[in-house]
Amino acid sequence: MRILGNHRDPSARHRRGLTAAGLCLGTLLGLGLGAGLGPSPAAAQSEPPIRSAEDAFCRSEARAQVFSAPDPLNLGLREIGRRIWASCMERTQRKGKAPKKPRKRRHR
């Protein structure tokens, strides 16, 4: 086969070498992708299941604000997110309860 000045025909040995190299590369890529899909440390520390609509709302709010919240005490992202979630849950639970109106005394 003659392409761009290549006048030698690749021998069967070279063809086998390329095929084996391709097979090894494919195997390594397959193992690498398979290892990435397996159990990871992050999966072991997954979040607990969502318990209510307020919980889901507060989790999404915490995810949205965790990177923009200040961290002067160097607490870390998990603790900041937990605090944002806790304050949101407290706010939403306060909203759910009807505020008690003081009874007005009728003067005679």
PDB file of N, CA and C in Angstrom:
ATOM      1  N   MET A   1       0.838  -1.158   0.000  1.00  0.00           N
ATOM      2  CA  MET A   1       0.000   0.000   0.000  1.00  0.00           C
ATOM      3  C   MET A   1       0.888   1.227   0.000  1.00  0.00           C
ATOM      4  N   ARG A   2       0.588   2.167  -0.861  1.00  0.00           N
ATOM      5  CA  ARG A   2       1.461   3.317  -1.008  1.00  0.00           C
ATOM      6  C   ARG A   2       0.643   4.591  -0.790  1.00  0.00           C
ATOM      7  N   ILE A   3       0.845   5.213   0.396  1.00  0.00           N
ATOM      8  CA  ILE A   3       0.171   6.465   0.708  1.00  0.00           C
ATOM      9  C   ILE A   3       1.222   7.457   1.163  1.00  0.00           C
ATOM     10  N   LEU A   4       1.286   8.588   0.483  1.00  0.00           N
ATOM     11  CA  LEU A   4       2.217   9.666   0.810  1.00  0.00           C
ATOM     12  C   LEU A   4       3.646   9.176   1.022  1.00  0.00           C
ATOM     13  N   GLY A   5       4.131   8.434   0.137  1.00  0.00           N
ATOM     14  CA  GLY A   5       5.510   7.981   0.171  1.00  0.00           C
ATOM     15  C   GLY A   5       5.748   6.761   1.023  1.00  0.00           C
ATOM     16  N   ASN A   6       4.733   6.227   1.625  1.00  0.00           N
ATOM     17  CA  ASN A   6       4.904   5.023   2.425  1.00  0.00           C
ATOM     18  C   ASN A   6       4.882   3.843   1.467  1.00  0.00           C
ATOM     19  N   HIS A   7       6.034   3.283   1.181  1.00  0.00           N
ATOM     20  CA  HIS A   7       6.110   2.214   0.203  1.00  0.00           C
ATOM     21  C   HIS A   7       6.135   0.845   0.848  1.00  0.00           C
ATOM     22  N   ARG A   8       6.159   0.770   2.168  1.00  0.00           N
ATOM     23  CA  ARG A   8       6.186  -0.530   2.811  1.00  0.00           C
ATOM     24  C   ARG A   8       4.781  -0.943   3.213  1.00  0.00           C
ATOM     25  N   ASP A   9       4.514  -2.180   3.082  1.00  0.00           N
ATOM     26  CA  ASP A   9       3.250  -2.748   3.523  1.00  0.00           C
ATOM     27  C   ASP A   9       3.421  -3.149   4.985  1.00  0.00           C
ATOM     28  N   PRO A  10       2.559  -2.675   5.872  1.00  0.00           N
ATOM     29  CA  PRO A  10       2.744  -3.053   7.278  1.00  0.00           C
ATOM     30  C   PRO A  10       2.590  -4.558   7.445  1.00  0.00           C
ATOM     31  N   SER A  11       3.514  -5.135   8.155  1.00  0.00           N
ATOM     32  CA  SER A  11       3.485  -6.581   8.340  1.00  0.00           C
ATOM     33  C   SER A  11       2.379  -6.946   9.330  1.00  0.00           C
ATOM     34  N   ALA A  12       2.099  -8.225   9.379  1.00  0.00           N
ATOM     35  CA  ALA A  12       1.057  -8.717  10.279  1.00  0.00           C
ATOM     36  C   ALA A  12       1.459  -8.455  11.733  1.00  0.00           C
ATOM     37  N   ARG A  13       2.753  -8.458  11.993  1.00  0.00           N
ATOM     38  CA  ARG A  13       3.221  -8.228  13.348  1.00  0.00           C
ATOM     39  C   ARG A  13       2.874  -6.816  13.809  1.00  0.00           C
ATOM     40  N   HIS A  14       3.082  -5.860  12.942  1.00  0.00           N
ATOM     41  CA  HIS A  14       2.749  -4.477  13.287  1.00  0.00           C
ATOM     42  C   HIS A  14       1.243  -4.312  13.467  1.00  0.00           C
ATOM     43  N   ARG A  15       0.491  -4.966  12.597  1.00  0.00           N
ATOM     44  CA  ARG A  15      -0.963  -4.862  12.710  1.00  0.00           C
ATOM     45  C   ARG A  15      -1.438  -5.456  14.035  1.00  0.00           C
ATOM     46  N   ARG A  16      -0.868  -6.591  14.426  1.00  0.00           N
ATOM     47  CA  ARG A  16      -1.238  -7.199  15.696  1.00  0.00           C
ATOM     48  C   ARG A  16      -0.839  -6.295  16.854  1.00  0.00           C
ATOM     49  N   GLY A  17       0.315  -5.674  16.778  1.00  0.00           N
ATOM     50  CA  GLY A  17       0.780  -4.777  17.834  1.00  0.00           C
ATOM     51  C   GLY A  17      -0.167  -3.604  18.021  1.00  0.00           C
ATOM     52  N   LEU A  18      -0.640  -3.024  16.919  1.00  0.00           N
ATOM     53  CA  LEU A  18      -1.570  -1.912  17.025  1.00  0.00           C
ATOM     54  C   LEU A  18      -2.897  -2.368  17.607  1.00  0.00           C
ATOM     55  N   THR A  19      -3.327  -3.536  17.202  1.00  0.00           N
ATOM     56  CA  THR A  19      -4.597  -4.053  17.709  1.00  0.00           C
ATOM     57  C   THR A  19      -4.478  -4.349  19.203  1.00  0.00           C
ATOM     58  N   ALA A  20      -3.363  -4.934  19.615  1.00  0.00           N
ATOM     59  CA  ALA A  20      -3.171  -5.236  21.032  1.00  0.00           C
ATOM     60  C   ALA A  20      -3.079  -3.945  21.842  1.00  0.00           C
ATOM     61  N   ALA A  21      -2.405  -2.949  21.283  1.00  0.00           N
ATOM     62  CA  ALA A  21      -2.302  -1.672  21.984  1.00  0.00           C
ATOM     63  C   ALA A  21      -3.677  -1.025  22.103  1.00  0.00           C
ATOM     64  N   GLY A  22      -4.453  -1.107  21.051  1.00  0.00           N
ATOM     65  CA  GLY A  22      -5.809  -0.565  21.096  1.00  0.00           C
ATOM     66  C   GLY A  22      -6.674  -1.312  22.093  1.00  0.00           C
ATOM     67  N   LEU A  23      -6.478  -2.620  22.155  1.00  0.00           N
ATOM     68  CA  LEU A  23      -7.231  -3.432  23.107  1.00  0.00           C
ATOM     69  C   LEU A  23      -6.854  -3.066  24.532  1.00  0.00           C
ATOM     70  N   CYS A  24      -5.557  -2.895  24.783  1.00  0.00           N
ATOM     71  CA  CYS A  24      -5.109  -2.509  26.125  1.00  0.00           C
ATOM     72  C   CYS A  24      -5.649  -1.141  26.500  1.00  0.00           C
ATOM     73  N   LEU A  25      -5.609  -0.206  25.557  1.00  0.00           N
ATOM     74  CA  LEU A  25      -6.117   1.140  25.813  1.00  0.00           C
ATOM     75  C   LEU A  25      -7.611   1.094  26.106  1.00  0.00           C
ATOM     76  N   GLY A  26      -8.345   0.313  25.340  1.00  0.00           N
ATOM     77  CA  GLY A  26      -9.786   0.169  25.565  1.00  0.00           C
ATOM     78  C   GLY A  26     -10.094  -0.455  26.909  1.00  0.00           C
ATOM     79  N   THR A  27      -9.283  -1.443  27.290  1.00  0.00           N
ATOM     80  CA  THR A  27      -9.480  -2.096  28.579  1.00  0.00           C
ATOM     81  C   THR A  27      -9.210  -1.127  29.720  1.00  0.00           C
ATOM     82  N   LEU A  28      -8.129  -0.352  29.616  1.00  0.00           N
ATOM     83  CA  LEU A  28      -7.812   0.615  30.654  1.00  0.00           C
ATOM     84  C   LEU A  28      -8.893   1.676  30.768  1.00  0.00           C
ATOM     85  N   LEU A  29      -9.380   2.154  29.637  1.00  0.00           N
ATOM     86  CA  LEU A  29     -10.454   3.153  29.675  1.00  0.00           C
ATOM     87  C   LEU A  29     -11.711   2.558  30.283  1.00  0.00           C
ATOM     88  N   GLY A  30     -12.021   1.336  29.915  1.00  0.00           N
ATOM     89  CA  GLY A  30     -13.209   0.676  30.472  1.00  0.00           C
ATOM     90  C   GLY A  30     -13.099   0.489  31.968  1.00  0.00           C
ATOM     91  N   LEU A  31     -11.920   0.091  32.441  1.00  0.00           N
ATOM     92  CA  LEU A  31     -11.726  -0.076  33.881  1.00  0.00           C
ATOM     93  C   LEU A  31     -11.791   1.261  34.598  1.00  0.00           C
ATOM     94  N   GLY A  32     -11.226   2.274  33.987  1.00  0.00           N
ATOM     95  CA  GLY A  32     -11.271   3.611  34.596  1.00  0.00           C
ATOM     96  C   GLY A  32     -12.691   4.124  34.710  1.00  0.00           C
ATOM     97  N   LEU A  33     -13.491   3.945  33.675  1.00  0.00           N
ATOM     98  CA  LEU A  33     -14.876   4.395  33.724  1.00  0.00           C
ATOM     99  C   LEU A  33     -15.689   3.547  34.684  1.00  0.00           C
ATOM    100  N   GLY A  34     -15.417   2.259  34.709  1.00  0.00           N
ATOM    101  CA  GLY A  34     -16.137   1.373  35.619  1.00  0.00           C
ATOM    102  C   GLY A  34     -15.819   1.687  37.070  1.00  0.00           C
ATOM    103  N   ALA A  35     -14.566   2.035  37.349  1.00  0.00           N
ATOM    104  CA  ALA A  35     -14.197   2.383  38.723  1.00  0.00           C
ATOM    105  C   ALA A  35     -14.867   3.687  39.133  1.00  0.00           C
ATOM    106  N   GLY A  36     -15.065   4.596  38.188  1.00  0.00           N
ATOM    107  CA  GLY A  36     -15.728   5.859  38.493  1.00  0.00           C
ATOM    108  C   GLY A  36     -17.192   5.675  38.794  1.00  0.00           C
ATOM    109  N   LEU A  37     -17.813   4.642  38.292  1.00  0.00           N
ATOM    110  CA  LEU A  37     -19.229   4.422  38.516  1.00  0.00           C
ATOM    111  C   LEU A  37     -19.509   3.584  39.754  1.00  0.00           C
ATOM    112  N   GLY A  38     -18.475   3.053  40.345  1.00  0.00           N
ATOM    113  CA  GLY A  38     -18.649   2.198  41.510  1.00  0.00           C
ATOM    114  C   GLY A  38     -18.914   3.004  42.770  1.00  0.00           C
ATOM    115  N   PRO A  39     -18.957   2.336  43.916  1.00  0.00           N
ATOM    116  CA  PRO A  39     -19.218   3.040  45.166  1.00  0.00           C
ATOM    117  C   PRO A  39     -18.103   4.027  45.482  1.00  0.00           C
ATOM    118  N   SER A  40     -18.469   5.182  45.948  1.00  0.00           N
ATOM    119  CA  SER A  40     -17.489   6.212  46.262  1.00  0.00           C
ATOM    120  C   SER A  40     -17.690   6.678  47.700  1.00  0.00           C
ATOM    121  N   PRO A  41     -16.709   7.345  48.279  1.00  0.00           N
ATOM    122  CA  PRO A  41     -16.865   7.854  49.639  1.00  0.00           C
ATOM    123  C   PRO A  41     -18.004   8.866  49.746  1.00  0.00           C
ATOM    124  N   ALA A  42     -18.256   9.613  48.688  1.00  0.00           N
ATOM    125  CA  ALA A  42     -19.336  10.592  48.709  1.00  0.00           C
ATOM    126  C   ALA A  42     -20.700   9.902  48.807  1.00  0.00           C
ATOM    127  N   ALA A  43     -20.830   8.733  48.208  1.00  0.00           N
ATOM    128  CA  ALA A  43     -22.097   8.010  48.277  1.00  0.00           C
ATOM    129  C   ALA A  43     -22.356   7.508  49.694  1.00  0.00           C
ATOM    130  N   ALA A  44     -21.306   7.206  50.430  1.00  0.00           N
ATOM    131  CA  ALA A  44     -21.483   6.730  51.796  1.00  0.00           C
ATOM    132  C   ALA A  44     -21.979   7.851  52.709  1.00  0.00           C
ATOM    133  N   GLN A  45     -21.676   9.099  52.371  1.00  0.00           N
ATOM    134  CA  GLN A  45     -22.089  10.231  53.179  1.00  0.00           C
ATOM    135  C   GLN A  45     -23.219  10.992  52.502  1.00  0.00           C
ATOM    136  N   SER A  46     -24.120  10.304  51.875  1.00  0.00           N
ATOM    137  CA  SER A  46     -25.187  10.981  51.155  1.00  0.00           C
ATOM    138  C   SER A  46     -26.169  11.609  52.129  1.00  0.00           C
ATOM    139  N   GLU A  47     -26.983  12.504  51.595  1.00  0.00           N
ATOM    140  CA  GLU A  47     -27.969  13.209  52.410  1.00  0.00           C
ATOM    141  C   GLU A  47     -29.100  12.274  52.808  1.00  0.00           C
ATOM    142  N   PRO A  48     -29.724  12.552  53.937  1.00  0.00           N
ATOM    143  CA  PRO A  48     -30.892  11.758  54.312  1.00  0.00           C
ATOM    144  C   PRO A  48     -32.059  12.067  53.379  1.00  0.00           C
ATOM    145  N   PRO A  49     -33.051  11.204  53.320  1.00  0.00           N
ATOM    146  CA  PRO A  49     -34.167  11.441  52.407  1.00  0.00           C
ATOM    147  C   PRO A  49     -34.945  12.705  52.775  1.00  0.00           C
ATOM    148  N   ILE A  50     -35.529  13.316  51.768  1.00  0.00           N
ATOM    149  CA  ILE A  50     -36.309  14.533  51.968  1.00  0.00           C
ATOM    150  C   ILE A  50     -37.605  14.160  52.684  1.00  0.00           C
ATOM    151  N   ARG A  51     -37.955  14.895  53.715  1.00  0.00           N
ATOM    152  CA  ARG A  51     -39.102  14.557  54.543  1.00  0.00           C
ATOM    153  C   ARG A  51     -40.339  15.414  54.281  1.00  0.00           C
ATOM    154  N   SER A  52     -40.159  16.605  53.728  1.00  0.00           N
ATOM    155  CA  SER A  52     -41.315  17.466  53.490  1.00  0.00           C
ATOM    156  C   SER A  52     -41.004  18.442  52.367  1.00  0.00           C
ATOM    157  N   ALA A  53     -42.016  19.180  51.957  1.00  0.00           N
ATOM    158  CA  ALA A  53     -41.827  20.190  50.910  1.00  0.00           C
ATOM    159  C   ALA A  53     -40.934  21.316  51.425  1.00  0.00           C
ATOM    160  N   GLU A  54     -41.077  21.648  52.697  1.00  0.00           N
ATOM    161  CA  GLU A  54     -40.239  22.697  53.287  1.00  0.00           C
ATOM    162  C   GLU A  54     -38.774  22.257  53.311  1.00  0.00           C
ATOM    163  N   ASP A  55     -38.548  20.980  53.618  1.00  0.00           N
ATOM    164  CA  ASP A  55     -37.200  20.427  53.640  1.00  0.00           C
ATOM    165  C   ASP A  55     -36.567  20.520  52.254  1.00  0.00           C
ATOM    166  N   ALA A  56     -37.313  20.161  51.236  1.00  0.00           N
ATOM    167  CA  ALA A  56     -36.796  20.225  49.866  1.00  0.00           C
ATOM    168  C   ALA A  56     -36.484  21.667  49.481  1.00  0.00           C
ATOM    169  N   PHE A  57     -37.381  22.591  49.843  1.00  0.00           N
ATOM    170  CA  PHE A  57     -37.163  24.003  49.528  1.00  0.00           C
ATOM    171  C   PHE A  57     -35.912  24.519  50.221  1.00  0.00           C
ATOM    172  N   CYS A  58     -35.745  24.183  51.504  1.00  0.00           N
ATOM    173  CA  CYS A  58     -34.601  24.673  52.262  1.00  0.00           C
ATOM    174  C   CYS A  58     -33.295  24.067  51.771  1.00  0.00           C
ATOM    175  N   ARG A  59     -33.332  22.819  51.334  1.00  0.00           N
ATOM    176  CA  ARG A  59     -32.116  22.203  50.768  1.00  0.00           C
ATOM    177  C   ARG A  59     -31.688  22.918  49.494  1.00  0.00           C
ATOM    178  N   SER A  60     -32.657  23.234  48.645  1.00  0.00           N
ATOM    179  CA  SER A  60     -32.304  23.935  47.399  1.00  0.00           C
ATOM    180  C   SER A  60     -31.798  25.344  47.703  1.00  0.00           C
ATOM    181  N   GLU A  61     -32.385  25.990  48.711  1.00  0.00           N
ATOM    182  CA  GLU A  61     -31.919  27.325  49.098  1.00  0.00           C
ATOM    183  C   GLU A  61     -30.497  27.262  49.642  1.00  0.00           C
ATOM    184  N   ALA A  62     -30.206  26.263  50.455  1.00  0.00           N
ATOM    185  CA  ALA A  62     -28.856  26.110  51.017  1.00  0.00           C
ATOM    186  C   ALA A  62     -27.842  25.830  49.915  1.00  0.00           C
ATOM    187  N   ARG A  63     -28.207  24.993  48.950  1.00  0.00           N
ATOM    188  CA  ARG A  63     -27.291  24.722  47.826  1.00  0.00           C
ATOM    189  C   ARG A  63     -27.011  25.984  47.026  1.00  0.00           C
ATOM    190  N   ALA A  64     -28.028  26.819  46.861  1.00  0.00           N
ATOM    191  CA  ALA A  64     -27.863  28.040  46.072  1.00  0.00           C
ATOM    192  C   ALA A  64     -27.001  29.077  46.795  1.00  0.00           C
ATOM    193  N   GLN A  65     -27.033  29.097  48.120  1.00  0.00           N
ATOM    194  CA  GLN A  65     -26.347  30.145  48.876  1.00  0.00           C
ATOM    195  C   GLN A  65     -25.036  29.723  49.510  1.00  0.00           C
ATOM    196  N   VAL A  66     -24.725  28.450  49.503  1.00  0.00           N
ATOM    197  CA  VAL A  66     -23.569  27.971  50.263  1.00  0.00           C
ATOM    198  C   VAL A  66     -22.252  28.563  49.756  1.00  0.00           C
ATOM    199  N   PHE A  67     -22.097  28.804  48.481  1.00  0.00           N
ATOM    200  CA  PHE A  67     -20.826  29.316  47.960  1.00  0.00           C
ATOM    201  C   PHE A  67     -20.712  30.825  48.096  1.00  0.00           C
ATOM    202  N   SER A  68     -21.824  31.522  48.263  1.00  0.00           N
ATOM    203  CA  SER A  68     -21.765  32.975  48.383  1.00  0.00           C
ATOM    204  C   SER A  68     -21.832  33.439  49.839  1.00  0.00           C
ATOM    205  N   ALA A  69     -22.090  32.559  50.763  1.00  0.00           N
ATOM    206  CA  ALA A  69     -22.171  32.926  52.177  1.00  0.00           C
ATOM    207  C   ALA A  69     -20.772  33.169  52.730  1.00  0.00           C
ATOM    208  N   PRO A  70     -20.612  34.180  53.584  1.00  0.00           N
ATOM    209  CA  PRO A  70     -19.293  34.425  54.187  1.00  0.00           C
ATOM    210  C   PRO A  70     -18.947  33.320  55.187  1.00  0.00           C
ATOM    211  N   ASP A  71     -17.649  33.080  55.326  1.00  0.00           N
ATOM    212  CA  ASP A  71     -17.173  32.039  56.239  1.00  0.00           C
ATOM    213  C   ASP A  71     -16.019  32.577  57.080  1.00  0.00           C
ATOM    214  N   PRO A  72     -16.278  33.547  57.979  1.00  0.00           N
ATOM    215  CA  PRO A  72     -15.175  34.126  58.757  1.00  0.00           C
ATOM    216  C   PRO A  72     -14.595  33.163  59.791  1.00  0.00           C
ATOM    217  N   LEU A  73     -15.368  32.169  60.212  1.00  0.00           N
ATOM    218  CA  LEU A  73     -14.879  31.212  61.208  1.00  0.00           C
ATOM    219  C   LEU A  73     -14.231  29.987  60.584  1.00  0.00           C
ATOM    220  N   ASN A  74     -14.170  29.948  59.245  1.00  0.00           N
ATOM    221  CA  ASN A  74     -13.568  28.833  58.515  1.00  0.00           C
ATOM    222  C   ASN A  74     -14.244  27.508  58.885  1.00  0.00           C
ATOM    223  N   LEU A  75     -15.565  27.487  58.805  1.00  0.00           N
ATOM    224  CA  LEU A  75     -16.342  26.313  59.184  1.00  0.00           C
ATOM    225  C   LEU A  75     -16.359  25.239  58.110  1.00  0.00           C
ATOM    226  N   GLY A  76     -16.322  25.625  56.872  1.00  0.00           N
ATOM    227  CA  GLY A  76     -16.401  24.661  55.775  1.00  0.00           C
ATOM    228  C   GLY A  76     -17.779  24.688  55.135  1.00  0.00           C
ATOM    229  N   LEU A  77     -17.855  24.138  53.934  1.00  0.00           N
ATOM    230  CA  LEU A  77     -19.095  24.209  53.159  1.00  0.00           C
ATOM    231  C   LEU A  77     -20.232  23.415  53.787  1.00  0.00           C
ATOM    232  N   ARG A  78     -19.943  22.256  54.344  1.00  0.00           N
ATOM    233  CA  ARG A  78     -21.016  21.439  54.950  1.00  0.00           C
ATOM    234  C   ARG A  78     -21.683  22.163  56.110  1.00  0.00           C
ATOM    235  N   GLU A  79     -20.882  22.724  56.986  1.00  0.00           N
ATOM    236  CA  GLU A  79     -21.443  23.403  58.153  1.00  0.00           C
ATOM    237  C   GLU A  79     -22.195  24.670  57.747  1.00  0.00           C
ATOM    238  N   ILE A  80     -21.668  25.417  56.793  1.00  0.00           N
ATOM    239  CA  ILE A  80     -22.376  26.608  56.320  1.00  0.00           C
ATOM    240  C   ILE A  80     -23.704  26.212  55.700  1.00  0.00           C
ATOM    241  N   GLY A  81     -23.701  25.171  54.866  1.00  0.00           N
ATOM    242  CA  GLY A  81     -24.940  24.699  54.259  1.00  0.00           C
ATOM    243  C   GLY A  81     -25.934  24.218  55.288  1.00  0.00           C
ATOM    244  N   ARG A  82     -25.454  23.533  56.328  1.00  0.00           N
ATOM    245  CA  ARG A  82     -26.337  23.051  57.386  1.00  0.00           C
ATOM    246  C   ARG A  82     -26.965  24.216  58.134  1.00  0.00           C
ATOM    247  N   ARG A  83     -26.186  25.266  58.382  1.00  0.00           N
ATOM    248  CA  ARG A  83     -26.721  26.438  59.086  1.00  0.00           C
ATOM    249  C   ARG A  83     -27.741  27.189  58.243  1.00  0.00           C
ATOM    250  N   ILE A  84     -27.469  27.314  56.945  1.00  0.00           N
ATOM    251  CA  ILE A  84     -28.439  27.965  56.055  1.00  0.00           C
ATOM    252  C   ILE A  84     -29.728  27.161  56.037  1.00  0.00           C
ATOM    253  N   TRP A  85     -29.601  25.826  55.940  1.00  0.00           N
ATOM    254  CA  TRP A  85     -30.777  24.958  55.932  1.00  0.00           C
ATOM    255  C   TRP A  85     -31.555  25.087  57.239  1.00  0.00           C
ATOM    256  N   ALA A  86     -30.854  25.097  58.371  1.00  0.00           N
ATOM    257  CA  ALA A  86     -31.519  25.172  59.670  1.00  0.00           C
ATOM    258  C   ALA A  86     -32.267  26.494  59.836  1.00  0.00           C
ATOM    259  N   SER A  87     -31.658  27.589  59.418  1.00  0.00           N
ATOM    260  CA  SER A  87     -32.348  28.877  59.537  1.00  0.00           C
ATOM    261  C   SER A  87     -33.557  28.939  58.615  1.00  0.00           C
ATOM    262  N   CYS A  88     -33.455  28.347  57.445  1.00  0.00           N
ATOM    263  CA  CYS A  88     -34.589  28.302  56.513  1.00  0.00           C
ATOM    264  C   CYS A  88     -35.715  27.455  57.096  1.00  0.00           C
ATOM    265  N   MET A  89     -35.386  26.305  57.680  1.00  0.00           N
ATOM    266  CA  MET A  89     -36.410  25.452  58.282  1.00  0.00           C
ATOM    267  C   MET A  89     -37.105  26.168  59.432  1.00  0.00           C
ATOM    268  N   GLU A  90     -36.337  26.893  60.214  1.00  0.00           N
ATOM    269  CA  GLU A  90     -36.929  27.643  61.326  1.00  0.00           C
ATOM    270  C   GLU A  90     -37.880  28.718  60.798  1.00  0.00           C
ATOM    271  N   ARG A  91     -37.465  29.404  59.756  1.00  0.00           N
ATOM    272  CA  ARG A  91     -38.312  30.439  59.134  1.00  0.00           C
ATOM    273  C   ARG A  91     -39.599  29.850  58.586  1.00  0.00           C
ATOM    274  N   THR A  92     -39.489  28.733  57.874  1.00  0.00           N
ATOM    275  CA  THR A  92     -40.684  28.149  57.259  1.00  0.00           C
ATOM    276  C   THR A  92     -41.611  27.551  58.301  1.00  0.00           C
ATOM    277  N   GLN A  93     -41.076  27.024  59.385  1.00  0.00           N
ATOM    278  CA  GLN A  93     -41.934  26.482  60.436  1.00  0.00           C
ATOM    279  C   GLN A  93     -42.653  27.593  61.190  1.00  0.00           C
ATOM    280  N   ARG A  94     -41.998  28.733  61.331  1.00  0.00           N
ATOM    281  CA  ARG A  94     -42.659  29.875  61.964  1.00  0.00           C
ATOM    282  C   ARG A  94     -43.792  30.389  61.101  1.00  0.00           C
ATOM    283  N   LYS A  95     -43.590  30.357  59.768  1.00  0.00           N
ATOM    284  CA  LYS A  95     -44.634  30.812  58.850  1.00  0.00           C
ATOM    285  C   LYS A  95     -45.856  29.912  58.923  1.00  0.00           C
ATOM    286  N   GLY A  96     -45.657  28.636  59.121  1.00  0.00           N
ATOM    287  CA  GLY A  96     -46.747  27.674  59.129  1.00  0.00           C
ATOM    288  C   GLY A  96     -47.676  27.842  60.324  1.00  0.00           C
ATOM    289  N   LYS A  97     -47.135  28.292  61.422  1.00  0.00           N
ATOM    290  CA  LYS A  97     -47.958  28.465  62.616  1.00  0.00           C
ATOM    291  C   LYS A  97     -48.627  29.832  62.558  1.00  0.00           C
ATOM    292  N   ALA A  98     -49.895  29.844  62.852  1.00  0.00           N
ATOM    293  CA  ALA A  98     -50.618  31.113  62.875  1.00  0.00           C
ATOM    294  C   ALA A  98     -50.213  31.873  64.133  1.00  0.00           C
ATOM    295  N   PRO A  99     -49.841  33.131  63.960  1.00  0.00           N
ATOM    296  CA  PRO A  99     -49.457  33.893  65.138  1.00  0.00           C
ATOM    297  C   PRO A  99     -50.670  34.116  66.044  1.00  0.00           C
ATOM    298  N   LYS A 100     -50.440  33.999  67.326  1.00  0.00           N
ATOM    299  CA  LYS A 100     -51.534  34.207  68.265  1.00  0.00           C
ATOM    300  C   LYS A 100     -51.780  35.702  68.414  1.00  0.00           C
ATOM    301  N   LYS A 101     -52.993  36.063  68.164  1.00  0.00           N
ATOM    302  CA  LYS A 101     -53.350  37.464  68.325  1.00  0.00           C
ATOM    303  C   LYS A 101     -53.782  37.665  69.781  1.00  0.00           C
ATOM    304  N   PRO A 102     -53.294  38.696  70.384  1.00  0.00           N
ATOM    305  CA  PRO A 102     -53.719  38.940  71.754  1.00  0.00           C
ATOM    306  C   PRO A 102     -55.204  39.320  71.787  1.00  0.00           C
ATOM    307  N   ARG A 103     -55.889  38.804  72.736  1.00  0.00           N
ATOM    308  CA  ARG A 103     -57.309  39.114  72.851  1.00  0.00           C
ATOM    309  C   ARG A 103     -57.453  40.544  73.348  1.00  0.00           C
ATOM    310  N   LYS A 104     -58.254  41.244  72.649  1.00  0.00           N
ATOM    311  CA  LYS A 104     -58.496  42.611  73.067  1.00  0.00           C
ATOM    312  C   LYS A 104     -59.548  42.616  74.174  1.00  0.00           C
ATOM    313  N   ARG A 105     -59.256  43.335  75.173  1.00  0.00           N
ATOM    314  CA  ARG A 105     -60.200  43.441  76.275  1.00  0.00           C
ATOM    315  C   ARG A 105     -61.197  44.549  75.988  1.00  0.00           C
ATOM    316  N   ARG A 106     -62.380  44.214  76.186  1.00  0.00           N
ATOM    317  CA  ARG A 106     -63.404  45.215  75.971  1.00  0.00           C
ATOM    318  C   ARG A 106     -63.583  46.050  77.226  1.00  0.00           C
ATOM    319  N   HIS A 107     -63.444  47.272  77.069  1.00  0.00           N
ATOM    320  CA  HIS A 107     -63.647  48.177  78.203  1.00  0.00           C
ATOM    321  C   HIS A 107     -65.106  48.541  78.301  1.00  0.00           C
ATOM    322  N   ARG A 108     -65.650  48.635  79.487  1.00  0.00           N
ATOM    323  CA  ARG A 108     -67.057  48.983  79.660  1.00  0.00           C
ATOM    324  C   ARG A 108     -67.223  50.396  80.073  1.00  0.00           C
TER     325      ARG A 108
END
